[in-house]
N, C-alpha and C. Protein backbone atom coordinates (compact mmCIF):
# COMPACT_ATOMS: atom_id res chain seq x y z
N MET A 1 111.20 53.35 -5.42
CA MET A 1 111.77 53.44 -4.11
C MET A 1 110.72 53.77 -3.05
N LYS A 2 109.80 54.67 -3.43
CA LYS A 2 108.73 55.04 -2.52
C LYS A 2 107.86 53.83 -2.20
N THR A 3 107.53 53.07 -3.22
CA THR A 3 106.67 51.91 -3.00
C THR A 3 107.35 50.87 -2.12
N LEU A 4 108.64 50.74 -2.28
CA LEU A 4 109.39 49.80 -1.45
C LEU A 4 109.35 50.22 0.01
N LEU A 5 109.57 51.49 0.29
CA LEU A 5 109.52 52.00 1.66
C LEU A 5 108.11 51.86 2.26
N ILE A 6 107.13 52.17 1.47
CA ILE A 6 105.74 52.05 1.93
C ILE A 6 105.41 50.59 2.23
N SER A 7 105.83 49.70 1.36
CA SER A 7 105.53 48.28 1.59
C SER A 7 106.27 47.74 2.81
N ILE A 8 107.51 48.17 3.02
CA ILE A 8 108.27 47.75 4.21
C ILE A 8 107.59 48.28 5.48
N PHE A 9 107.20 49.55 5.44
CA PHE A 9 106.52 50.15 6.59
C PHE A 9 105.22 49.40 6.92
N CYS A 10 104.43 49.11 5.89
CA CYS A 10 103.17 48.39 6.10
C CYS A 10 103.41 46.99 6.65
N SER A 11 104.41 46.29 6.13
CA SER A 11 104.68 44.93 6.61
C SER A 11 105.15 44.95 8.07
N VAL A 12 106.00 45.91 8.43
CA VAL A 12 106.44 46.04 9.83
C VAL A 12 105.24 46.35 10.73
N LEU A 13 104.37 47.20 10.26
CA LEU A 13 103.18 47.57 11.02
C LEU A 13 102.29 46.35 11.25
N PHE A 14 102.05 45.56 10.23
CA PHE A 14 101.20 44.38 10.35
C PHE A 14 101.84 43.30 11.23
N ILE A 15 103.13 43.14 11.11
CA ILE A 15 103.83 42.13 11.92
C ILE A 15 103.78 42.52 13.40
N SER A 16 104.05 43.79 13.70
CA SER A 16 104.01 44.23 15.10
C SER A 16 102.60 44.11 15.67
N ASN A 17 101.62 44.38 14.84
CA ASN A 17 100.23 44.23 15.27
C ASN A 17 99.92 42.76 15.57
N GLY A 18 100.42 41.87 14.76
CA GLY A 18 100.22 40.44 14.97
C GLY A 18 100.87 39.96 16.25
N PHE A 19 102.06 40.45 16.56
CA PHE A 19 102.74 40.07 17.80
C PHE A 19 101.97 40.56 19.02
N SER A 20 101.44 41.78 18.96
CA SER A 20 100.71 42.31 20.11
C SER A 20 99.40 41.53 20.32
N GLN A 21 98.77 41.11 19.25
CA GLN A 21 97.55 40.31 19.38
C GLN A 21 97.87 38.95 19.98
N ALA A 22 98.98 38.36 19.60
CA ALA A 22 99.37 37.07 20.16
C ALA A 22 99.69 37.21 21.65
N ALA A 23 100.33 38.30 22.02
CA ALA A 23 100.65 38.54 23.43
C ALA A 23 99.37 38.75 24.25
N GLU A 24 98.43 39.50 23.68
CA GLU A 24 97.16 39.71 24.36
C GLU A 24 96.40 38.40 24.54
N GLU A 25 96.41 37.57 23.53
CA GLU A 25 95.73 36.27 23.59
C GLU A 25 96.38 35.39 24.66
N LYS A 26 97.69 35.40 24.71
CA LYS A 26 98.41 34.61 25.71
C LYS A 26 98.08 35.12 27.12
N GLN A 27 98.03 36.42 27.28
CA GLN A 27 97.71 37.01 28.58
C GLN A 27 96.27 36.68 28.97
N ARG A 28 95.35 36.71 28.03
CA ARG A 28 93.94 36.39 28.30
C ARG A 28 93.80 34.94 28.73
N LEU A 29 94.50 34.03 28.05
CA LEU A 29 94.43 32.62 28.42
C LEU A 29 95.02 32.37 29.81
N LYS A 30 96.10 33.06 30.12
CA LYS A 30 96.70 32.93 31.45
C LYS A 30 95.73 33.43 32.51
N TYR A 31 95.08 34.55 32.25
CA TYR A 31 94.11 35.11 33.19
C TYR A 31 92.94 34.15 33.40
N GLU A 32 92.43 33.58 32.31
CA GLU A 32 91.31 32.63 32.42
C GLU A 32 91.71 31.40 33.23
N ALA A 33 92.91 30.89 33.01
CA ALA A 33 93.37 29.73 33.76
C ALA A 33 93.52 30.07 35.24
N ASP A 34 94.03 31.25 35.53
CA ASP A 34 94.19 31.69 36.92
C ASP A 34 92.82 31.82 37.60
N MET A 35 91.87 32.41 36.90
CA MET A 35 90.53 32.58 37.47
C MET A 35 89.85 31.22 37.69
N GLU A 36 90.07 30.29 36.79
CA GLU A 36 89.51 28.94 36.94
C GLU A 36 90.09 28.26 38.18
N ASN A 37 91.39 28.41 38.40
CA ASN A 37 92.02 27.84 39.60
C ASN A 37 91.47 28.47 40.88
N LYS A 38 91.30 29.79 40.86
CA LYS A 38 90.75 30.48 42.03
C LYS A 38 89.31 30.04 42.30
N LYS A 39 88.55 29.85 41.22
CA LYS A 39 87.16 29.40 41.38
C LYS A 39 87.12 28.02 42.01
N LYS A 40 87.94 27.11 41.53
CA LYS A 40 87.97 25.75 42.08
C LYS A 40 88.41 25.76 43.54
N GLU A 41 89.41 26.58 43.86
CA GLU A 41 89.88 26.68 45.24
C GLU A 41 88.78 27.23 46.15
N TYR A 42 88.07 28.25 45.68
CA TYR A 42 86.97 28.85 46.44
C TYR A 42 85.88 27.82 46.70
N ILE A 43 85.50 27.10 45.66
CA ILE A 43 84.45 26.09 45.80
C ILE A 43 84.90 24.99 46.75
N ASN A 44 86.12 24.50 46.60
CA ASN A 44 86.62 23.43 47.47
C ASN A 44 86.68 23.89 48.93
N ASP A 45 87.15 25.11 49.17
CA ASP A 45 87.21 25.64 50.54
C ASP A 45 85.80 25.75 51.13
N PHE A 46 84.88 26.27 50.33
CA PHE A 46 83.52 26.43 50.83
C PHE A 46 82.87 25.08 51.13
N VAL A 47 82.95 24.17 50.17
CA VAL A 47 82.31 22.87 50.35
C VAL A 47 82.95 22.12 51.53
N GLY A 48 84.24 22.29 51.72
CA GLY A 48 84.92 21.67 52.85
C GLY A 48 84.44 22.20 54.19
N SER A 49 83.94 23.44 54.22
CA SER A 49 83.47 24.03 55.47
C SER A 49 82.05 23.59 55.82
N LEU A 50 81.33 23.03 54.87
CA LEU A 50 79.95 22.59 55.14
C LEU A 50 79.93 21.30 55.94
N LYS A 51 78.93 21.17 56.75
CA LYS A 51 78.76 19.95 57.55
C LYS A 51 77.73 19.05 56.87
N VAL A 52 78.16 18.44 55.78
CA VAL A 52 77.33 17.49 55.03
C VAL A 52 78.19 16.28 54.68
N ASP A 53 77.54 15.20 54.24
CA ASP A 53 78.33 14.02 53.90
C ASP A 53 79.03 14.19 52.55
N ASP A 54 79.90 13.26 52.23
CA ASP A 54 80.74 13.38 51.03
C ASP A 54 79.92 13.42 49.74
N PHE A 55 78.85 12.63 49.70
CA PHE A 55 77.99 12.61 48.51
C PHE A 55 77.38 13.99 48.28
N GLN A 56 76.86 14.59 49.35
CA GLN A 56 76.26 15.91 49.22
C GLN A 56 77.30 16.96 48.85
N LYS A 57 78.51 16.83 49.40
CA LYS A 57 79.58 17.77 49.05
C LYS A 57 79.88 17.72 47.56
N GLU A 58 79.93 16.52 47.00
CA GLU A 58 80.22 16.38 45.57
C GLU A 58 79.10 16.98 44.73
N ILE A 59 77.85 16.76 45.13
CA ILE A 59 76.72 17.32 44.39
C ILE A 59 76.75 18.85 44.47
N ILE A 60 77.01 19.39 45.66
CA ILE A 60 77.07 20.84 45.81
C ILE A 60 78.19 21.42 44.95
N LYS A 61 79.33 20.75 44.94
CA LYS A 61 80.47 21.22 44.14
C LYS A 61 80.09 21.26 42.65
N GLN A 62 79.46 20.20 42.17
CA GLN A 62 79.07 20.16 40.76
C GLN A 62 78.05 21.23 40.43
N GLN A 63 77.08 21.42 41.33
CA GLN A 63 76.05 22.43 41.11
C GLN A 63 76.64 23.83 41.08
N MET A 64 77.59 24.10 41.99
CA MET A 64 78.21 25.42 42.02
C MET A 64 79.04 25.67 40.76
N GLU A 65 79.76 24.66 40.31
CA GLU A 65 80.55 24.83 39.08
C GLU A 65 79.65 25.10 37.88
N SER A 66 78.56 24.36 37.77
CA SER A 66 77.66 24.59 36.64
C SER A 66 76.96 25.95 36.77
N TYR A 67 76.68 26.38 38.00
CA TYR A 67 76.08 27.70 38.21
C TYR A 67 77.02 28.78 37.70
N PHE A 68 78.31 28.68 38.05
CA PHE A 68 79.28 29.68 37.61
C PHE A 68 79.42 29.69 36.09
N GLU A 69 79.33 28.53 35.47
CA GLU A 69 79.39 28.47 33.99
C GLU A 69 78.18 29.18 33.38
N GLU A 70 76.99 28.93 33.93
CA GLU A 70 75.78 29.59 33.42
C GLU A 70 75.85 31.10 33.66
N TYR A 71 76.36 31.49 34.82
CA TYR A 71 76.50 32.91 35.15
C TYR A 71 77.46 33.59 34.16
N LYS A 72 78.53 32.88 33.83
CA LYS A 72 79.49 33.42 32.87
C LYS A 72 78.82 33.62 31.50
N LYS A 73 77.99 32.66 31.09
CA LYS A 73 77.28 32.78 29.81
C LYS A 73 76.35 34.00 29.81
N ILE A 74 75.67 34.22 30.95
CA ILE A 74 74.78 35.39 31.05
C ILE A 74 75.59 36.67 30.92
N ASN A 75 76.75 36.72 31.56
CA ASN A 75 77.59 37.93 31.48
C ASN A 75 78.08 38.18 30.06
N LEU A 76 78.33 37.13 29.31
CA LEU A 76 78.83 37.29 27.94
C LEU A 76 77.74 37.74 26.96
N LEU A 77 76.47 37.69 27.38
CA LEU A 77 75.39 38.11 26.50
C LEU A 77 75.36 39.62 26.28
N GLY A 78 75.94 40.37 27.19
CA GLY A 78 75.97 41.82 27.04
C GLY A 78 74.60 42.45 27.22
N LEU A 79 73.86 42.02 28.20
CA LEU A 79 72.51 42.53 28.44
C LEU A 79 72.53 43.83 29.22
N ARG A 80 71.40 44.54 29.16
CA ARG A 80 71.25 45.72 30.00
C ARG A 80 71.12 45.27 31.45
N GLU A 81 71.32 46.21 32.37
CA GLU A 81 71.37 45.87 33.79
C GLU A 81 70.09 45.18 34.27
N PHE A 82 68.92 45.70 33.92
CA PHE A 82 67.68 45.10 34.41
C PHE A 82 67.45 43.72 33.79
N GLU A 83 67.85 43.54 32.53
CA GLU A 83 67.72 42.23 31.91
C GLU A 83 68.68 41.24 32.55
N HIS A 84 69.90 41.71 32.83
CA HIS A 84 70.91 40.88 33.47
C HIS A 84 70.41 40.41 34.84
N LYS A 85 69.86 41.33 35.62
CA LYS A 85 69.34 40.97 36.95
C LYS A 85 68.21 39.95 36.83
N ALA A 86 67.37 40.10 35.84
CA ALA A 86 66.26 39.17 35.65
C ALA A 86 66.78 37.77 35.31
N TYR A 87 67.76 37.69 34.43
CA TYR A 87 68.35 36.40 34.06
C TYR A 87 69.03 35.74 35.26
N VAL A 88 69.75 36.53 36.04
CA VAL A 88 70.45 35.99 37.20
C VAL A 88 69.43 35.51 38.24
N GLN A 89 68.37 36.28 38.43
CA GLN A 89 67.33 35.87 39.39
C GLN A 89 66.67 34.57 38.95
N LYS A 90 66.42 34.45 37.66
CA LYS A 90 65.84 33.21 37.14
C LYS A 90 66.80 32.04 37.35
N LEU A 91 68.08 32.27 37.12
CA LEU A 91 69.09 31.24 37.35
C LEU A 91 69.11 30.85 38.82
N ASP A 92 69.08 31.84 39.72
CA ASP A 92 69.08 31.56 41.15
C ASP A 92 67.86 30.72 41.56
N ASP A 93 66.72 31.04 40.98
CA ASP A 93 65.48 30.35 41.35
C ASP A 93 65.40 28.93 40.82
N THR A 94 65.97 28.69 39.65
CA THR A 94 65.78 27.39 39.00
C THR A 94 66.96 26.43 39.10
N HIS A 95 68.15 26.94 39.31
CA HIS A 95 69.33 26.09 39.19
C HIS A 95 69.48 25.08 40.34
N PHE A 96 69.05 25.45 41.52
CA PHE A 96 69.29 24.61 42.69
C PHE A 96 68.05 23.89 43.21
N VAL A 97 67.08 23.65 42.36
CA VAL A 97 65.84 23.00 42.78
C VAL A 97 66.13 21.61 43.35
N ASP A 98 66.94 20.82 42.68
CA ASP A 98 67.26 19.47 43.16
C ASP A 98 68.07 19.52 44.45
N LEU A 99 68.96 20.48 44.54
CA LEU A 99 69.82 20.59 45.72
C LEU A 99 69.03 20.99 46.96
N LYS A 100 68.00 21.82 46.77
CA LYS A 100 67.17 22.25 47.90
C LYS A 100 66.50 21.07 48.59
N ALA A 101 66.22 20.03 47.83
CA ALA A 101 65.58 18.85 48.40
C ALA A 101 66.58 18.00 49.20
N MET A 102 67.86 18.16 48.96
CA MET A 102 68.88 17.32 49.60
C MET A 102 69.44 17.91 50.88
N ILE A 103 69.48 19.24 50.99
CA ILE A 103 70.14 19.87 52.14
C ILE A 103 69.14 20.76 52.88
N THR A 104 69.54 21.20 54.08
CA THR A 104 68.66 22.04 54.89
C THR A 104 68.60 23.45 54.32
N ALA A 105 67.61 24.20 54.79
CA ALA A 105 67.45 25.58 54.34
C ALA A 105 68.65 26.43 54.77
N GLU A 106 69.18 26.16 55.96
CA GLU A 106 70.36 26.90 56.43
C GLU A 106 71.56 26.65 55.52
N GLN A 107 71.76 25.40 55.15
CA GLN A 107 72.88 25.06 54.26
C GLN A 107 72.67 25.67 52.88
N MET A 108 71.42 25.69 52.42
CA MET A 108 71.13 26.30 51.12
C MET A 108 71.41 27.80 51.17
N GLY A 109 71.10 28.42 52.30
CA GLY A 109 71.41 29.84 52.47
C GLY A 109 72.91 30.08 52.41
N GLN A 110 73.68 29.16 53.01
CA GLN A 110 75.14 29.29 52.96
C GLN A 110 75.64 29.15 51.53
N VAL A 111 75.06 28.25 50.78
CA VAL A 111 75.46 28.06 49.38
C VAL A 111 75.16 29.33 48.58
N MET A 112 73.98 29.89 48.76
CA MET A 112 73.61 31.10 48.02
C MET A 112 74.50 32.28 48.42
N ASN A 113 74.83 32.38 49.71
CA ASN A 113 75.74 33.44 50.16
C ASN A 113 77.12 33.27 49.52
N ALA A 114 77.58 32.04 49.43
CA ALA A 114 78.88 31.78 48.80
C ALA A 114 78.85 32.15 47.32
N LEU A 115 77.75 31.89 46.65
CA LEU A 115 77.64 32.22 45.23
C LEU A 115 77.62 33.73 45.01
N LYS A 116 77.08 34.45 45.96
CA LYS A 116 76.99 35.91 45.84
C LYS A 116 78.22 36.61 46.39
N GLY A 117 79.21 35.83 46.88
CA GLY A 117 80.45 36.41 47.36
C GLY A 117 80.38 36.87 48.80
N LYS A 118 79.39 36.42 49.56
CA LYS A 118 79.22 36.85 50.95
C LYS A 118 79.87 35.88 51.93
N TRP A 119 80.47 34.83 51.45
CA TRP A 119 81.13 33.85 52.32
C TRP A 119 82.60 34.19 52.42
N SER A 120 83.11 34.17 53.63
CA SER A 120 84.52 34.49 53.85
C SER A 120 85.21 33.31 54.51
N HIS A 121 86.29 32.85 53.90
CA HIS A 121 87.03 31.70 54.43
C HIS A 121 87.62 32.03 55.79
N GLY A 122 88.08 33.25 55.97
CA GLY A 122 88.66 33.68 57.24
C GLY A 122 87.63 33.67 58.36
N GLU A 123 86.41 34.12 58.05
CA GLU A 123 85.33 34.10 59.03
C GLU A 123 85.03 32.67 59.47
N GLU A 124 85.03 31.78 58.52
CA GLU A 124 84.74 30.37 58.80
C GLU A 124 85.79 29.79 59.75
N LYS A 125 87.04 30.14 59.53
CA LYS A 125 88.10 29.67 60.41
C LYS A 125 87.90 30.19 61.83
N LYS A 126 87.51 31.47 61.96
CA LYS A 126 87.28 32.06 63.28
C LYS A 126 86.15 31.34 64.01
N LYS A 127 85.08 31.03 63.28
CA LYS A 127 83.95 30.33 63.90
C LYS A 127 84.36 28.95 64.39
N LYS A 128 85.15 28.26 63.58
CA LYS A 128 85.61 26.93 63.99
C LYS A 128 86.50 27.02 65.22
N LYS A 129 87.35 28.04 65.29
CA LYS A 129 88.23 28.22 66.45
C LYS A 129 87.41 28.45 67.71
N LYS A 130 86.42 29.34 67.62
CA LYS A 130 85.56 29.63 68.76
C LYS A 130 84.82 28.39 69.21
N GLU A 131 84.32 27.63 68.26
CA GLU A 131 83.60 26.39 68.56
C GLU A 131 84.51 25.39 69.26
N LYS A 132 85.73 25.30 68.80
CA LYS A 132 86.71 24.39 69.39
C LYS A 132 87.04 24.80 70.83
N LYS A 133 87.20 26.11 71.07
CA LYS A 133 87.47 26.61 72.41
C LYS A 133 86.30 26.31 73.34
N ARG A 134 85.09 26.50 72.86
CA ARG A 134 83.90 26.21 73.68
C ARG A 134 83.84 24.74 74.06
N LYS A 135 84.18 23.88 73.12
CA LYS A 135 84.16 22.44 73.41
C LYS A 135 85.21 22.09 74.45
N LYS A 136 86.39 22.71 74.36
CA LYS A 136 87.45 22.47 75.33
C LYS A 136 87.02 22.91 76.72
N LYS A 137 86.42 24.10 76.81
CA LYS A 137 85.95 24.60 78.10
C LYS A 137 84.85 23.71 78.66
N LYS A 138 83.99 23.24 77.81
CA LYS A 138 82.89 22.38 78.23
C LYS A 138 83.43 21.05 78.74
N ASN A 139 84.42 20.50 78.08
CA ASN A 139 85.02 19.23 78.50
C ASN A 139 85.78 19.37 79.81
N LYS A 140 86.40 20.53 80.07
CA LYS A 140 87.14 20.75 81.30
C LYS A 140 86.19 20.89 82.48
N SER A 141 85.02 21.45 82.25
CA SER A 141 84.06 21.68 83.35
C SER A 141 83.34 20.46 83.79
């Protein structure tokens, strides 16, 4: 009787543990999908705000997506802080070599700011509004 109770207890324990792991896995996958959507939206919003032609926009979009993938790989390595910074700096220096030849230094600065999280979609809208108002005033005068 004791062995039966012990075996039932153990089986219930293992089954409940299996359900919680499945729930955690489902939650992790949902989180990853949500973050992927946010990343794509961020990149599309940023690239849409740049004043470059469609070909350059597509190249910038691809470069940013691959940069984020490489950055994610660096984060998964579990490096110490100084090693992590060194890897990220190397990535920053080498990843956009081809892109630097295609766009201006100002645009490249905007791309790097966007990658570091310093670009704000709201700020961009405000700048466009101010620019639009200036053009209207200039046309009226």
